[in-house]
Amino acid sequence: TNTGESWVRSTLPKFDTFGFKGYSLTGNQLIEAVEKTAGRKLKRGSMPWFMIPFLGLFSPTIKEIYEMRYLWNLPHSVDDTKLRAALPLMDGTPLADCLKEVLVL
């Protein structure tokens, strides 16, 4: 390991957590950004939300998905104050650049 990394690790509590803000988008904003990057419209479907509570009776995962459905319409992010304090020179990647890297076009 390098000396700088060793020093940083020695100053942190064991198993410390750092939030990473990421992008604050609704699901539809993300789809629109992907479409813009891909240069074409994507085929969109819809989730049958009225059926999900019933299916949640048989699957804890589906029950949790139903409880988190509001996040599709609500832009949200994680507080990254502690991460930025530890890594003050860290820059985020612009969304368009990130999508160009991760999409197979």
N, C-alpha and C. Protein backbone atom coordinates (compact mmCIF):
# COMPACT_ATOMS: atom_id res chain seq x y z
N THR A 1 0.85 -1.19 0.00
CA THR A 1 0.00 0.00 0.00
C THR A 1 0.88 1.24 0.00
N ASN A 2 0.32 2.33 -0.50
CA ASN A 2 1.14 3.55 -0.50
C ASN A 2 1.03 4.26 0.85
N THR A 3 1.99 5.11 1.11
CA THR A 3 2.09 5.78 2.41
C THR A 3 0.89 6.68 2.68
N GLY A 4 0.43 7.41 1.67
CA GLY A 4 -0.72 8.30 1.83
C GLY A 4 -1.97 7.54 2.22
N GLU A 5 -2.21 6.43 1.53
CA GLU A 5 -3.39 5.62 1.83
C GLU A 5 -3.30 5.06 3.25
N SER A 6 -2.14 4.60 3.63
CA SER A 6 -1.95 4.06 4.99
C SER A 6 -2.22 5.12 6.04
N TRP A 7 -1.74 6.34 5.80
CA TRP A 7 -1.97 7.42 6.76
C TRP A 7 -3.45 7.73 6.88
N VAL A 8 -4.14 7.85 5.74
CA VAL A 8 -5.58 8.15 5.77
C VAL A 8 -6.32 7.06 6.52
N ARG A 9 -6.03 5.81 6.21
CA ARG A 9 -6.69 4.70 6.90
C ARG A 9 -6.45 4.75 8.41
N SER A 10 -5.26 5.16 8.82
CA SER A 10 -4.95 5.19 10.26
C SER A 10 -5.70 6.30 10.99
N THR A 11 -6.20 7.30 10.26
CA THR A 11 -6.92 8.41 10.90
C THR A 11 -8.43 8.16 10.98
N LEU A 12 -8.92 7.12 10.33
CA LEU A 12 -10.36 6.85 10.30
C LEU A 12 -10.75 5.76 11.29
N PRO A 13 -11.95 5.87 11.84
CA PRO A 13 -12.45 4.78 12.68
C PRO A 13 -12.64 3.52 11.82
N LYS A 14 -12.48 2.36 12.42
CA LYS A 14 -12.71 1.11 11.69
C LYS A 14 -14.18 1.04 11.26
N PHE A 15 -14.40 0.57 10.06
CA PHE A 15 -15.73 0.37 9.50
C PHE A 15 -16.52 1.67 9.40
N ASP A 16 -15.84 2.77 9.16
CA ASP A 16 -16.52 4.05 9.00
C ASP A 16 -17.30 4.04 7.69
N THR A 17 -18.34 4.83 7.61
CA THR A 17 -19.15 4.90 6.39
C THR A 17 -19.09 6.30 5.79
N PHE A 18 -19.13 6.35 4.47
CA PHE A 18 -19.10 7.60 3.74
C PHE A 18 -20.19 7.55 2.68
N GLY A 19 -21.10 8.52 2.72
CA GLY A 19 -22.14 8.58 1.70
C GLY A 19 -21.58 9.14 0.40
N PHE A 20 -22.10 8.64 -0.71
CA PHE A 20 -21.74 9.17 -2.03
C PHE A 20 -23.00 9.72 -2.66
N LYS A 21 -23.02 11.02 -2.94
CA LYS A 21 -24.23 11.70 -3.37
C LYS A 21 -24.78 11.14 -4.68
N GLY A 22 -23.95 10.93 -5.65
CA GLY A 22 -24.44 10.44 -6.93
C GLY A 22 -25.26 11.51 -7.65
N TYR A 23 -26.27 11.08 -8.38
CA TYR A 23 -27.11 11.99 -9.16
C TYR A 23 -28.50 12.07 -8.53
N SER A 24 -29.06 13.25 -8.49
CA SER A 24 -30.39 13.45 -7.92
C SER A 24 -31.39 13.56 -9.06
N LEU A 25 -32.00 12.44 -9.41
CA LEU A 25 -32.91 12.37 -10.56
C LEU A 25 -34.15 11.56 -10.21
N THR A 26 -35.24 11.88 -10.90
CA THR A 26 -36.39 10.98 -10.85
C THR A 26 -36.12 9.86 -11.86
N GLY A 27 -36.92 8.81 -11.80
CA GLY A 27 -36.78 7.73 -12.77
C GLY A 27 -36.96 8.22 -14.19
N ASN A 28 -37.95 9.10 -14.40
CA ASN A 28 -38.19 9.62 -15.75
C ASN A 28 -37.04 10.49 -16.24
N GLN A 29 -36.44 11.27 -15.35
CA GLN A 29 -35.28 12.09 -15.75
C GLN A 29 -34.11 11.20 -16.16
N LEU A 30 -33.92 10.09 -15.47
CA LEU A 30 -32.85 9.17 -15.83
C LEU A 30 -33.12 8.56 -17.21
N ILE A 31 -34.35 8.14 -17.45
CA ILE A 31 -34.70 7.57 -18.76
C ILE A 31 -34.46 8.60 -19.86
N GLU A 32 -34.87 9.85 -19.63
CA GLU A 32 -34.66 10.90 -20.64
C GLU A 32 -33.18 11.12 -20.90
N ALA A 33 -32.36 11.08 -19.87
CA ALA A 33 -30.91 11.25 -20.05
C ALA A 33 -30.31 10.08 -20.84
N VAL A 34 -30.78 8.87 -20.57
CA VAL A 34 -30.31 7.70 -21.32
C VAL A 34 -30.72 7.83 -22.78
N GLU A 35 -31.96 8.25 -23.03
CA GLU A 35 -32.43 8.42 -24.41
C GLU A 35 -31.59 9.46 -25.15
N LYS A 36 -31.29 10.56 -24.48
CA LYS A 36 -30.48 11.61 -25.10
C LYS A 36 -29.09 11.08 -25.45
N THR A 37 -28.49 10.35 -24.52
CA THR A 37 -27.15 9.79 -24.75
C THR A 37 -27.18 8.74 -25.86
N ALA A 38 -28.20 7.90 -25.86
CA ALA A 38 -28.31 6.84 -26.86
C ALA A 38 -28.74 7.38 -28.22
N GLY A 39 -29.33 8.57 -28.24
CA GLY A 39 -29.77 9.15 -29.50
C GLY A 39 -31.04 8.52 -30.05
N ARG A 40 -31.80 7.90 -29.18
CA ARG A 40 -33.07 7.29 -29.62
C ARG A 40 -34.00 7.13 -28.42
N LYS A 41 -35.27 7.00 -28.72
CA LYS A 41 -36.27 6.77 -27.68
C LYS A 41 -36.21 5.32 -27.23
N LEU A 42 -36.42 5.10 -25.97
CA LEU A 42 -36.47 3.75 -25.41
C LEU A 42 -37.91 3.29 -25.31
N LYS A 43 -38.11 2.00 -25.42
CA LYS A 43 -39.44 1.45 -25.22
C LYS A 43 -39.73 1.49 -23.73
N ARG A 44 -40.83 2.10 -23.37
CA ARG A 44 -41.19 2.23 -21.95
C ARG A 44 -42.40 1.37 -21.64
N GLY A 45 -42.37 0.79 -20.49
CA GLY A 45 -43.52 0.05 -19.98
C GLY A 45 -43.96 0.70 -18.68
N SER A 46 -44.91 0.10 -18.02
CA SER A 46 -45.33 0.63 -16.73
C SER A 46 -45.43 -0.51 -15.73
N MET A 47 -45.29 -0.16 -14.50
CA MET A 47 -45.34 -1.14 -13.42
C MET A 47 -46.79 -1.26 -12.96
N PRO A 48 -47.32 -2.47 -12.84
CA PRO A 48 -48.70 -2.64 -12.36
C PRO A 48 -48.76 -2.49 -10.83
N TRP A 49 -48.66 -1.24 -10.37
CA TRP A 49 -48.56 -1.01 -8.93
C TRP A 49 -49.74 -1.56 -8.14
N PHE A 50 -50.92 -1.60 -8.76
CA PHE A 50 -52.10 -2.09 -8.04
C PHE A 50 -51.96 -3.57 -7.65
N MET A 51 -51.13 -4.32 -8.36
CA MET A 51 -50.94 -5.75 -8.07
C MET A 51 -49.82 -6.02 -7.06
N ILE A 52 -48.95 -5.07 -6.90
CA ILE A 52 -47.74 -5.30 -6.11
C ILE A 52 -48.05 -5.61 -4.63
N PRO A 53 -48.99 -4.91 -3.96
CA PRO A 53 -49.26 -5.27 -2.56
C PRO A 53 -49.70 -6.74 -2.40
N PHE A 54 -50.48 -7.25 -3.33
CA PHE A 54 -50.90 -8.65 -3.28
C PHE A 54 -49.69 -9.57 -3.44
N LEU A 55 -48.84 -9.29 -4.42
CA LEU A 55 -47.66 -10.11 -4.64
C LEU A 55 -46.69 -10.02 -3.45
N GLY A 56 -46.72 -8.88 -2.76
CA GLY A 56 -45.87 -8.71 -1.58
C GLY A 56 -46.22 -9.65 -0.44
N LEU A 57 -47.42 -10.20 -0.45
CA LEU A 57 -47.79 -11.19 0.56
C LEU A 57 -46.95 -12.45 0.44
N PHE A 58 -46.45 -12.72 -0.76
CA PHE A 58 -45.69 -13.94 -1.03
C PHE A 58 -44.19 -13.70 -1.16
N SER A 59 -43.80 -12.44 -1.28
CA SER A 59 -42.39 -12.13 -1.48
C SER A 59 -41.99 -10.89 -0.68
N PRO A 60 -41.14 -11.05 0.31
CA PRO A 60 -40.68 -9.89 1.08
C PRO A 60 -39.97 -8.85 0.20
N THR A 61 -39.28 -9.32 -0.83
CA THR A 61 -38.59 -8.39 -1.73
C THR A 61 -39.59 -7.50 -2.46
N ILE A 62 -40.65 -8.09 -2.97
CA ILE A 62 -41.67 -7.31 -3.69
C ILE A 62 -42.38 -6.37 -2.73
N LYS A 63 -42.60 -6.81 -1.51
CA LYS A 63 -43.20 -5.93 -0.50
C LYS A 63 -42.32 -4.69 -0.29
N GLU A 64 -41.00 -4.89 -0.20
CA GLU A 64 -40.07 -3.77 -0.02
C GLU A 64 -40.04 -2.87 -1.25
N ILE A 65 -40.12 -3.45 -2.44
CA ILE A 65 -40.17 -2.65 -3.67
C ILE A 65 -41.38 -1.73 -3.63
N TYR A 66 -42.51 -2.24 -3.19
CA TYR A 66 -43.72 -1.42 -3.11
C TYR A 66 -43.54 -0.27 -2.12
N GLU A 67 -42.89 -0.55 -1.00
CA GLU A 67 -42.67 0.50 0.00
C GLU A 67 -41.72 1.58 -0.51
N MET A 68 -40.87 1.25 -1.46
CA MET A 68 -39.89 2.21 -1.98
C MET A 68 -40.34 2.86 -3.29
N ARG A 69 -41.56 2.61 -3.75
CA ARG A 69 -42.01 3.11 -5.05
C ARG A 69 -42.00 4.63 -5.16
N TYR A 70 -42.15 5.33 -4.05
CA TYR A 70 -42.16 6.79 -4.08
C TYR A 70 -40.84 7.36 -4.60
N LEU A 71 -39.76 6.60 -4.49
CA LEU A 71 -38.45 7.09 -4.93
C LEU A 71 -38.36 7.24 -6.45
N TRP A 72 -39.25 6.58 -7.19
CA TRP A 72 -39.26 6.71 -8.65
C TRP A 72 -39.62 8.14 -9.06
N ASN A 73 -40.47 8.78 -8.29
CA ASN A 73 -40.94 10.13 -8.63
C ASN A 73 -40.26 11.24 -7.82
N LEU A 74 -39.46 10.88 -6.86
CA LEU A 74 -38.86 11.86 -5.96
C LEU A 74 -37.35 11.91 -6.15
N PRO A 75 -36.82 13.04 -6.63
CA PRO A 75 -35.36 13.13 -6.71
C PRO A 75 -34.79 13.03 -5.29
N HIS A 76 -33.75 12.25 -5.13
CA HIS A 76 -33.18 12.07 -3.81
C HIS A 76 -31.67 11.85 -3.93
N SER A 77 -30.99 12.07 -2.84
CA SER A 77 -29.55 11.86 -2.84
C SER A 77 -29.09 11.54 -1.42
N VAL A 78 -27.87 11.09 -1.33
CA VAL A 78 -27.24 10.74 -0.06
C VAL A 78 -26.33 11.89 0.35
N ASP A 79 -26.28 12.18 1.63
CA ASP A 79 -25.39 13.23 2.13
C ASP A 79 -23.93 12.78 2.00
N ASP A 80 -23.15 13.55 1.25
CA ASP A 80 -21.75 13.18 1.05
C ASP A 80 -20.78 14.14 1.74
N THR A 81 -21.26 14.85 2.76
CA THR A 81 -20.43 15.84 3.46
C THR A 81 -19.16 15.21 4.02
N LYS A 82 -19.29 14.05 4.65
CA LYS A 82 -18.13 13.40 5.25
C LYS A 82 -17.14 12.91 4.18
N LEU A 83 -17.66 12.40 3.07
CA LEU A 83 -16.79 11.95 1.98
C LEU A 83 -16.02 13.12 1.39
N ARG A 84 -16.70 14.24 1.16
CA ARG A 84 -16.04 15.42 0.58
C ARG A 84 -15.00 16.01 1.54
N ALA A 85 -15.25 15.90 2.83
CA ALA A 85 -14.25 16.37 3.80
C ALA A 85 -13.00 15.49 3.75
N ALA A 86 -13.20 14.18 3.56
CA ALA A 86 -12.06 13.26 3.49
C ALA A 86 -11.34 13.34 2.16
N LEU A 87 -12.09 13.63 1.08
CA LEU A 87 -11.51 13.70 -0.27
C LEU A 87 -11.89 15.03 -0.92
N PRO A 88 -11.32 16.14 -0.46
CA PRO A 88 -11.75 17.46 -0.93
C PRO A 88 -11.50 17.70 -2.42
N LEU A 89 -10.60 16.98 -3.04
CA LEU A 89 -10.31 17.19 -4.46
C LEU A 89 -11.15 16.30 -5.37
N MET A 90 -12.02 15.49 -4.79
CA MET A 90 -12.84 14.57 -5.58
C MET A 90 -13.86 15.35 -6.41
N ASP A 91 -13.88 15.08 -7.69
CA ASP A 91 -14.89 15.67 -8.57
C ASP A 91 -15.85 14.58 -9.02
N GLY A 92 -17.11 14.93 -9.15
CA GLY A 92 -18.07 13.99 -9.69
C GLY A 92 -18.00 13.97 -11.21
N THR A 93 -18.42 12.87 -11.79
CA THR A 93 -18.47 12.74 -13.24
C THR A 93 -19.80 13.28 -13.72
N PRO A 94 -19.83 14.18 -14.72
CA PRO A 94 -21.10 14.65 -15.25
C PRO A 94 -21.95 13.47 -15.74
N LEU A 95 -23.26 13.57 -15.57
CA LEU A 95 -24.16 12.47 -15.92
C LEU A 95 -23.97 12.02 -17.36
N ALA A 96 -23.88 12.96 -18.30
CA ALA A 96 -23.73 12.58 -19.71
C ALA A 96 -22.46 11.76 -19.93
N ASP A 97 -21.37 12.15 -19.30
CA ASP A 97 -20.11 11.40 -19.43
C ASP A 97 -20.24 10.00 -18.82
N CYS A 98 -20.88 9.93 -17.68
CA CYS A 98 -21.08 8.65 -17.01
C CYS A 98 -21.90 7.70 -17.89
N LEU A 99 -22.99 8.21 -18.46
CA LEU A 99 -23.84 7.37 -19.30
C LEU A 99 -23.10 6.90 -20.54
N LYS A 100 -22.27 7.76 -21.12
CA LYS A 100 -21.49 7.35 -22.29
C LYS A 100 -20.55 6.19 -21.95
N GLU A 101 -20.05 6.18 -20.72
CA GLU A 101 -19.14 5.12 -20.29
C GLU A 101 -19.86 3.80 -20.02
N VAL A 102 -21.07 3.87 -19.47
CA VAL A 102 -21.73 2.64 -19.03
C VAL A 102 -22.69 2.04 -20.05
N LEU A 103 -23.15 2.84 -21.01
CA LEU A 103 -24.08 2.30 -22.00
C LEU A 103 -23.33 1.62 -23.13
N VAL A 104 -23.85 0.51 -23.58
CA VAL A 104 -23.29 -0.18 -24.74
C VAL A 104 -24.08 0.31 -25.94
N LEU A 105 -23.46 1.20 -26.72
CA LEU A 105 -24.16 1.81 -27.86
C LEU A 105 -23.64 1.27 -29.17
